[in-house]
PDB file of all heavy atoms in Angstrom:
ATOM      1  N   LEU A   1     -41.610-121.483-100.666  1.00  0.00           N
ATOM      2  CA  LEU A   1     -40.820-122.479-101.396  1.00  0.00           C
ATOM      3  C   LEU A   1     -41.640-123.740-101.599  1.00  0.00           C
ATOM      4  O   LEU A   1     -42.239-124.264-100.651  1.00  0.00           O
ATOM      5  CB  LEU A   1     -39.547-122.826-100.626  1.00  0.00           C
ATOM      6  CG  LEU A   1     -38.573-121.687-100.342  1.00  0.00           C
ATOM      7  CD1 LEU A   1     -37.452-122.182 -99.444  1.00  0.00           C
ATOM      8  CD2 LEU A   1     -38.019-121.125-101.640  1.00  0.00           C
ATOM      9  N   LEU A   2     -41.656-124.240-102.818  1.00  0.00           N
ATOM     10  CA  LEU A   2     -42.304-125.500-103.173  1.00  0.00           C
ATOM     11  C   LEU A   2     -41.288-126.365-103.886  1.00  0.00           C
ATOM     12  O   LEU A   2     -40.572-125.876-104.761  1.00  0.00           O
ATOM     13  CB  LEU A   2     -43.503-125.274-104.102  1.00  0.00           C
ATOM     14  CG  LEU A   2     -44.782-124.641-103.574  1.00  0.00           C
ATOM     15  CD1 LEU A   2     -45.351-125.436-102.413  1.00  0.00           C
ATOM     16  CD2 LEU A   2     -44.595-123.194-103.197  1.00  0.00           C
ATOM     17  N   PRO A   3     -41.210-127.658-103.552  1.00  0.00           N
ATOM     18  CA  PRO A   3     -40.236-128.514-104.241  1.00  0.00           C
ATOM     19  C   PRO A   3     -40.691-128.874-105.645  1.00  0.00           C
ATOM     20  O   PRO A   3     -41.867-129.133-105.885  1.00  0.00           O
ATOM     21  CB  PRO A   3     -40.182-129.754-103.351  1.00  0.00           C
ATOM     22  CG  PRO A   3     -41.557-129.822-102.740  1.00  0.00           C
ATOM     23  CD  PRO A   3     -41.960-128.387-102.513  1.00  0.00           C
ATOM     24  N   GLN A   4     -39.763-128.878-106.567  1.00  0.00           N
ATOM     25  CA  GLN A   4     -40.026-129.424-107.890  1.00  0.00           C
ATOM     26  C   GLN A   4     -39.988-130.957-107.810  1.00  0.00           C
ATOM     27  O   GLN A   4     -39.232-131.526-107.027  1.00  0.00           O
ATOM     28  CB  GLN A   4     -38.965-128.964-108.888  1.00  0.00           C
ATOM     29  CG  GLN A   4     -39.043-127.497-109.260  1.00  0.00           C
ATOM     30  CD  GLN A   4     -40.040-127.242-110.389  1.00  0.00           C
ATOM     31  OE1 GLN A   4     -40.992-128.015-110.589  1.00  0.00           O
ATOM     32  NE2 GLN A   4     -39.849-126.169-111.122  1.00  0.00           N
ATOM     33  N   PRO A   5     -40.803-131.633-108.611  1.00  0.00           N
ATOM     34  CA  PRO A   5     -40.674-133.093-108.687  1.00  0.00           C
ATOM     35  C   PRO A   5     -39.358-133.467-109.365  1.00  0.00           C
ATOM     36  O   PRO A   5     -38.755-132.647-110.070  1.00  0.00           O
ATOM     37  CB  PRO A   5     -41.878-133.513-109.531  1.00  0.00           C
ATOM     38  CG  PRO A   5     -42.220-132.303-110.336  1.00  0.00           C
ATOM     39  CD  PRO A   5     -41.872-131.121-109.486  1.00  0.00           C
ATOM     40  N   PRO A   6     -38.894-134.683-109.156  1.00  0.00           N
ATOM     41  CA  PRO A   6     -37.637-135.100-109.800  1.00  0.00           C
ATOM     42  C   PRO A   6     -37.745-134.994-111.314  1.00  0.00           C
ATOM     43  O   PRO A   6     -38.788-135.271-111.912  1.00  0.00           O
ATOM     44  CB  PRO A   6     -37.484-136.563-109.354  1.00  0.00           C
ATOM     45  CG  PRO A   6     -38.308-136.677-108.111  1.00  0.00           C
ATOM     46  CD  PRO A   6     -39.460-135.730-108.280  1.00  0.00           C
ATOM     47  N   LEU A   7     -36.643-134.594-111.937  1.00  0.00           N
ATOM     48  CA  LEU A   7     -36.618-134.502-113.391  1.00  0.00           C
ATOM     49  C   LEU A   7     -36.643-135.891-114.029  1.00  0.00           C
ATOM     50  O   LEU A   7     -35.987-136.813-113.547  1.00  0.00           O
ATOM     51  CB  LEU A   7     -35.361-133.763-113.853  1.00  0.00           C
ATOM     52  CG  LEU A   7     -35.372-132.239-113.749  1.00  0.00           C
ATOM     53  CD1 LEU A   7     -34.012-131.682-114.143  1.00  0.00           C
ATOM     54  CD2 LEU A   7     -36.475-131.648-114.622  1.00  0.00           C
ATOM     55  N   GLY A   8     -37.407-136.011-115.075  1.00  0.00           N
ATOM     56  CA  GLY A   8     -37.417-137.242-115.843  1.00  0.00           C
ATOM     57  C   GLY A   8     -36.438-137.183-117.009  1.00  0.00           C
ATOM     58  O   GLY A   8     -35.625-136.257-117.108  1.00  0.00           O
ATOM     59  N   GLU A   9     -36.527-138.163-117.882  1.00  0.00           N
ATOM     60  CA  GLU A   9     -35.648-138.226-119.057  1.00  0.00           C
ATOM     61  C   GLU A   9     -36.481-138.507-120.303  1.00  0.00           C
ATOM     62  O   GLU A   9     -37.458-139.252-120.257  1.00  0.00           O
ATOM     63  CB  GLU A   9     -34.614-139.348-118.888  1.00  0.00           C
ATOM     64  CG  GLU A   9     -33.630-139.124-117.755  1.00  0.00           C
ATOM     65  CD  GLU A   9     -32.607-140.236-117.667  1.00  0.00           C
ATOM     66  OE1 GLU A   9     -32.646-141.151-118.524  1.00  0.00           O
ATOM     67  OE2 GLU A   9     -31.783-140.200-116.750  1.00  0.00           O
ATOM     68  N   HIS A  10     -36.109-137.871-121.370  1.00  0.00           N
ATOM     69  CA  HIS A  10     -36.729-138.138-122.670  1.00  0.00           C
ATOM     70  C   HIS A  10     -35.820-139.109-123.440  1.00  0.00           C
ATOM     71  O   HIS A  10     -34.593-138.989-123.394  1.00  0.00           O
ATOM     72  CB  HIS A  10     -36.857-136.826-123.454  1.00  0.00           C
ATOM     73  CG  HIS A  10     -37.620-136.982-124.723  1.00  0.00           C
ATOM     74  ND1 HIS A  10     -37.022-137.350-125.904  1.00  0.00           N
ATOM     75  CD2 HIS A  10     -38.938-136.823-124.994  1.00  0.00           C
ATOM     76  CE1 HIS A  10     -37.925-137.401-126.849  1.00  0.00           C
ATOM     77  NE2 HIS A  10     -39.110-137.079-126.319  1.00  0.00           N
ATOM     78  N   PRO A  11     -36.386-140.128-124.091  1.00  0.00           N
ATOM     79  CA  PRO A  11     -37.810-140.352-124.373  1.00  0.00           C
ATOM     80  C   PRO A  11     -38.499-141.299-123.390  1.00  0.00           C
ATOM     81  O   PRO A  11     -39.638-141.707-123.622  1.00  0.00           O
ATOM     82  CB  PRO A  11     -37.770-140.973-125.773  1.00  0.00           C
ATOM     83  CG  PRO A  11     -36.513-141.784-125.735  1.00  0.00           C
ATOM     84  CD  PRO A  11     -35.522-141.001-124.914  1.00  0.00           C
ATOM     85  N   ARG A  12     -37.829-141.646-122.283  1.00  0.00           N
ATOM     86  CA  ARG A  12     -38.455-142.588-121.349  1.00  0.00           C
ATOM     87  C   ARG A  12     -39.719-142.005-120.716  1.00  0.00           C
ATOM     88  O   ARG A  12     -40.740-142.689-120.598  1.00  0.00           O
ATOM     89  CB  ARG A  12     -37.453-142.959-120.254  1.00  0.00           C
ATOM     90  CG  ARG A  12     -37.968-144.018-119.269  1.00  0.00           C
ATOM     91  CD  ARG A  12     -37.043-144.146-118.078  1.00  0.00           C
ATOM     92  NE  ARG A  12     -37.022-142.908-117.293  1.00  0.00           N
ATOM     93  CZ  ARG A  12     -36.176-142.672-116.305  1.00  0.00           C
ATOM     94  NH1 ARG A  12     -35.244-143.569-115.996  1.00  0.00           N
ATOM     95  NH2 ARG A  12     -36.228-141.532-115.635  1.00  0.00           N
ATOM     96  N   ASP A  13     -39.678-140.729-120.293  1.00  0.00           N
ATOM     97  CA  ASP A  13     -40.792-140.088-119.590  1.00  0.00           C
ATOM     98  C   ASP A  13     -41.505-139.151-120.553  1.00  0.00           C
ATOM     99  O   ASP A  13     -41.064-138.025-120.785  1.00  0.00           O
ATOM    100  CB  ASP A  13     -40.271-139.322-118.371  1.00  0.00           C
ATOM    101  CG  ASP A  13     -39.522-140.220-117.404  1.00  0.00           C
ATOM    102  OD1 ASP A  13     -40.125-141.201-116.942  1.00  0.00           O
ATOM    103  OD2 ASP A  13     -38.334-139.937-117.132  1.00  0.00           O
ATOM    104  N   LEU A  14     -42.602-139.621-121.110  1.00  0.00           N
ATOM    105  CA  LEU A  14     -43.273-138.878-122.174  1.00  0.00           C
ATOM    106  C   LEU A  14     -44.465-138.066-121.695  1.00  0.00           C
ATOM    107  O   LEU A  14     -44.971-137.221-122.449  1.00  0.00           O
ATOM    108  CB  LEU A  14     -43.740-139.862-123.258  1.00  0.00           C
ATOM    109  CG  LEU A  14     -42.628-140.613-123.993  1.00  0.00           C
ATOM    110  CD1 LEU A  14     -43.224-141.594-124.985  1.00  0.00           C
ATOM    111  CD2 LEU A  14     -41.695-139.631-124.699  1.00  0.00           C
ATOM    112  N   LEU A  15     -44.939-138.292-120.471  1.00  0.00           N
ATOM    113  CA  LEU A  15     -46.143-137.614-119.997  1.00  0.00           C
ATOM    114  C   LEU A  15     -45.785-136.473-119.046  1.00  0.00           C
ATOM    115  O   LEU A  15     -44.761-136.509-118.361  1.00  0.00           O
ATOM    116  CB  LEU A  15     -47.061-138.614-119.288  1.00  0.00           C
ATOM    117  CG  LEU A  15     -47.574-139.756-120.160  1.00  0.00           C
ATOM    118  CD1 LEU A  15     -48.444-140.696-119.334  1.00  0.00           C
ATOM    119  CD2 LEU A  15     -48.349-139.215-121.357  1.00  0.00           C
ATOM    120  N   PRO A  16     -46.649-135.447-118.957  1.00  0.00           N
ATOM    121  CA  PRO A  16     -46.379-134.329-118.040  1.00  0.00           C
ATOM    122  C   PRO A  16     -46.493-134.788-116.587  1.00  0.00           C
ATOM    123  O   PRO A  16     -47.220-135.731-116.268  1.00  0.00           O
ATOM    124  CB  PRO A  16     -47.476-133.315-118.386  1.00  0.00           C
ATOM    125  CG  PRO A  16     -48.568-134.127-118.992  1.00  0.00           C
ATOM    126  CD  PRO A  16     -47.902-135.251-119.714  1.00  0.00           C
ATOM    127  N   ASN A  17     -45.759-134.117-115.680  1.00  0.00           N
ATOM    128  CA  ASN A  17     -45.797-134.494-114.266  1.00  0.00           C
ATOM    129  C   ASN A  17     -46.057-133.311-113.346  1.00  0.00           C
ATOM    130  O   ASN A  17     -45.903-133.417-112.141  1.00  0.00           O
ATOM    131  CB  ASN A  17     -44.498-135.189-113.850  1.00  0.00           C
ATOM    132  CG  ASN A  17     -43.293-134.257-113.858  1.00  0.00           C
ATOM    133  OD1 ASN A  17     -43.356-133.153-114.396  1.00  0.00           O
ATOM    134  ND2 ASN A  17     -42.201-134.715-113.273  1.00  0.00           N
ATOM    135  N   ARG A  18     -46.449-132.157-113.900  1.00  0.00           N
ATOM    136  CA  ARG A  18     -46.776-131.006-113.062  1.00  0.00           C
ATOM    137  C   ARG A  18     -47.622-130.033-113.869  1.00  0.00           C
ATOM    138  O   ARG A  18     -47.611-130.054-115.100  1.00  0.00           O
ATOM    139  CB  ARG A  18     -45.508-130.323-112.546  1.00  0.00           C
ATOM    140  CG  ARG A  18     -44.753-129.529-113.580  1.00  0.00           C
ATOM    141  CD  ARG A  18     -43.297-129.334-113.219  1.00  0.00           C
ATOM    142  NE  ARG A  18     -42.525-130.483-113.671  1.00  0.00           N
ATOM    143  CZ  ARG A  18     -41.206-130.553-113.613  1.00  0.00           C
ATOM    144  NH1 ARG A  18     -40.512-129.574-113.063  1.00  0.00           N
ATOM    145  NH2 ARG A  18     -40.570-131.599-114.074  1.00  0.00           N
ATOM    146  N   ALA A  19     -48.357-129.186-113.138  1.00  0.00           N
ATOM    147  CA  ALA A  19     -49.145-128.132-113.785  1.00  0.00           C
ATOM    148  C   ALA A  19     -49.011-126.867-112.956  1.00  0.00           C
ATOM    149  O   ALA A  19     -49.166-126.896-111.737  1.00  0.00           O
ATOM    150  CB  ALA A  19     -50.611-128.542-113.888  1.00  0.00           C
ATOM    151  N   VAL A  20     -48.690-125.761-113.628  1.00  0.00           N
ATOM    152  CA  VAL A  20     -48.592-124.453-112.996  1.00  0.00           C
ATOM    153  C   VAL A  20     -49.708-123.590-113.564  1.00  0.00           C
ATOM    154  O   VAL A  20     -49.846-123.464-114.790  1.00  0.00           O
ATOM    155  CB  VAL A  20     -47.217-123.800-113.266  1.00  0.00           C
ATOM    156  CG1 VAL A  20     -47.146-122.430-112.619  1.00  0.00           C
ATOM    157  CG2 VAL A  20     -46.091-124.700-112.759  1.00  0.00           C
ATOM    158  N   ILE A  21     -50.510-123.000-112.676  1.00  0.00           N
ATOM    159  CA  ILE A  21     -51.681-122.219-113.076  1.00  0.00           C
ATOM    160  C   ILE A  21     -51.451-120.776-112.669  1.00  0.00           C
ATOM    161  O   ILE A  21     -51.017-120.497-111.533  1.00  0.00           O
ATOM    162  CB  ILE A  21     -52.968-122.771-112.428  1.00  0.00           C
ATOM    163  CG1 ILE A  21     -53.265-124.182-112.956  1.00  0.00           C
ATOM    164  CG2 ILE A  21     -54.153-121.867-112.709  1.00  0.00           C
ATOM    165  CD1 ILE A  21     -52.662-125.304-112.177  1.00  0.00           C
ATOM    166  N   LEU A  22     -51.728-119.834-113.574  1.00  0.00           N
ATOM    167  CA  LEU A  22     -51.550-118.412-113.308  1.00  0.00           C
ATOM    168  C   LEU A  22     -52.882-117.681-113.418  1.00  0.00           C
ATOM    169  O   LEU A  22     -53.747-118.042-114.221  1.00  0.00           O
ATOM    170  CB  LEU A  22     -50.549-117.811-114.297  1.00  0.00           C
ATOM    171  CG  LEU A  22     -49.125-118.356-114.208  1.00  0.00           C
ATOM    172  CD1 LEU A  22     -48.287-117.803-115.351  1.00  0.00           C
ATOM    173  CD2 LEU A  22     -48.496-118.007-112.872  1.00  0.00           C
ATOM    174  N   TRP A  23     -53.022-116.636-112.598  1.00  0.00           N
ATOM    175  CA  TRP A  23     -54.245-115.845-112.581  1.00  0.00           C
ATOM    176  C   TRP A  23     -54.146-114.685-113.571  1.00  0.00           C
ATOM    177  O   TRP A  23     -53.046-114.319-114.022  1.00  0.00           O
ATOM    178  CB  TRP A  23     -54.507-115.335-111.169  1.00  0.00           C
ATOM    179  CG  TRP A  23     -55.409-116.254-110.398  1.00  0.00           C
ATOM    180  CD1 TRP A  23     -56.682-115.997-109.963  1.00  0.00           C
ATOM    181  CD2 TRP A  23     -55.132-117.596-109.967  1.00  0.00           C
ATOM    182  NE1 TRP A  23     -57.206-117.090-109.301  1.00  0.00           N
ATOM    183  CE2 TRP A  23     -56.275-118.084-109.296  1.00  0.00           C
ATOM    184  CE3 TRP A  23     -54.036-118.445-110.099  1.00  0.00           C
ATOM    185  CZ2 TRP A  23     -56.344-119.356-108.747  1.00  0.00           C
ATOM    186  CZ3 TRP A  23     -54.091-119.717-109.558  1.00  0.00           C
ATOM    187  CH2 TRP A  23     -55.235-120.168-108.895  1.00  0.00           C
ATOM    188  N   ALA A  24     -55.278-114.081-113.892  1.00  0.00           N
ATOM    189  CA  ALA A  24     -55.338-113.063-114.942  1.00  0.00           C
ATOM    190  C   ALA A  24     -54.462-111.862-114.640  1.00  0.00           C
ATOM    191  O   ALA A  24     -53.960-111.203-115.558  1.00  0.00           O
ATOM    192  CB  ALA A  24     -56.789-112.606-115.136  1.00  0.00           C
ATOM    193  N   PHE A  25     -54.231-111.552-113.362  1.00  0.00           N
ATOM    194  CA  PHE A  25     -53.443-110.377-112.986  1.00  0.00           C
ATOM    195  C   PHE A  25     -51.969-110.712-112.750  1.00  0.00           C
ATOM    196  O   PHE A  25     -51.192-109.842-112.329  1.00  0.00           O
ATOM    197  CB  PHE A  25     -54.027-109.718-111.727  1.00  0.00           C
ATOM    198  CG  PHE A  25     -54.209-110.680-110.584  1.00  0.00           C
ATOM    199  CD1 PHE A  25     -53.167-110.990-109.725  1.00  0.00           C
ATOM    200  CD2 PHE A  25     -55.452-111.280-110.362  1.00  0.00           C
ATOM    201  CE1 PHE A  25     -53.332-111.877-108.672  1.00  0.00           C
ATOM    202  CE2 PHE A  25     -55.633-112.163-109.308  1.00  0.00           C
ATOM    203  CZ  PHE A  25     -54.567-112.462-108.460  1.00  0.00           C
ATOM    204  N   SER A  26     -51.563-111.962-113.004  1.00  0.00           N
ATOM    205  CA  SER A  26     -50.193-112.393-112.730  1.00  0.00           C
ATOM    206  C   SER A  26     -49.309-112.168-113.953  1.00  0.00           C
ATOM    207  O   SER A  26     -49.480-112.813-114.984  1.00  0.00           O
ATOM    208  CB  SER A  26     -50.167-113.871-112.329  1.00  0.00           C
ATOM    209  OG  SER A  26     -50.918-114.082-111.155  1.00  0.00           O
ATOM    210  N   ASP A  27     -48.349-111.261-113.814  1.00  0.00           N
ATOM    211  CA  ASP A  27     -47.406-110.942-114.885  1.00  0.00           C
ATOM    212  C   ASP A  27     -46.322-112.014-114.916  1.00  0.00           C
ATOM    213  O   ASP A  27     -45.591-112.194-113.935  1.00  0.00           O
ATOM    214  CB  ASP A  27     -46.799-109.566-114.613  1.00  0.00           C
ATOM    215  CG  ASP A  27     -45.797-109.124-115.672  1.00  0.00           C
ATOM    216  OD1 ASP A  27     -45.455-109.928-116.565  1.00  0.00           O
ATOM    217  OD2 ASP A  27     -45.337-107.975-115.588  1.00  0.00           O
ATOM    218  N   THR A  28     -46.187-112.720-116.019  1.00  0.00           N
ATOM    219  CA  THR A  28     -45.240-113.830-116.097  1.00  0.00           C
ATOM    220  C   THR A  28     -43.784-113.373-116.046  1.00  0.00           C
ATOM    221  O   THR A  28     -42.891-114.195-115.845  1.00  0.00           O
ATOM    222  CB  THR A  28     -45.457-114.640-117.385  1.00  0.00           C
ATOM    223  OG1 THR A  28     -45.347-113.761-118.516  1.00  0.00           O
ATOM    224  CG2 THR A  28     -46.824-115.301-117.377  1.00  0.00           C
ATOM    225  N   THR A  29     -43.517-112.072-116.210  1.00  0.00           N
ATOM    226  CA  THR A  29     -42.149-111.563-116.092  1.00  0.00           C
ATOM    227  C   THR A  29     -41.829-111.075-114.681  1.00  0.00           C
ATOM    228  O   THR A  29     -40.738-110.548-114.453  1.00  0.00           O
ATOM    229  CB  THR A  29     -41.910-110.420-117.088  1.00  0.00           C
ATOM    230  OG1 THR A  29     -42.724-109.287-116.726  1.00  0.00           O
ATOM    231  CG2 THR A  29     -42.245-110.849-118.509  1.00  0.00           C
ATOM    232  N   ASP A  30     -42.745-111.258-113.740  1.00  0.00           N
ATOM    233  CA  ASP A  30     -42.553-110.770-112.370  1.00  0.00           C
ATOM    234  C   ASP A  30     -41.326-111.449-111.750  1.00  0.00           C
ATOM    235  O   ASP A  30     -41.278-112.680-111.657  1.00  0.00           O
ATOM    236  CB  ASP A  30     -43.799-111.080-111.536  1.00  0.00           C
ATOM    237  CG  ASP A  30     -43.834-110.328-110.219  1.00  0.00           C
ATOM    238  OD1 ASP A  30     -42.804-110.311-109.526  1.00  0.00           O
ATOM    239  OD2 ASP A  30     -44.888-109.760-109.890  1.00  0.00           O
ATOM    240  N   PRO A  31     -40.327-110.684-111.294  1.00  0.00           N
ATOM    241  CA  PRO A  31     -39.106-111.297-110.767  1.00  0.00           C
ATOM    242  C   PRO A  31     -39.294-112.002-109.428  1.00  0.00           C
ATOM    243  O   PRO A  31     -38.412-112.755-109.006  1.00  0.00           O
ATOM    244  CB  PRO A  31     -38.152-110.105-110.627  1.00  0.00           C
ATOM    245  CG  PRO A  31     -39.043-108.919-110.480  1.00  0.00           C
ATOM    246  CD  PRO A  31     -40.246-109.211-111.323  1.00  0.00           C
TER     247      PRO A  31
END
């Protein structure tokens, strides 16, 4: 378990606040 950062609001928060990186063998539909 990893915590998500607090949600921002548009249009006040315009910049990204997280990055998720996936490896070549990682199926994005994996449940």
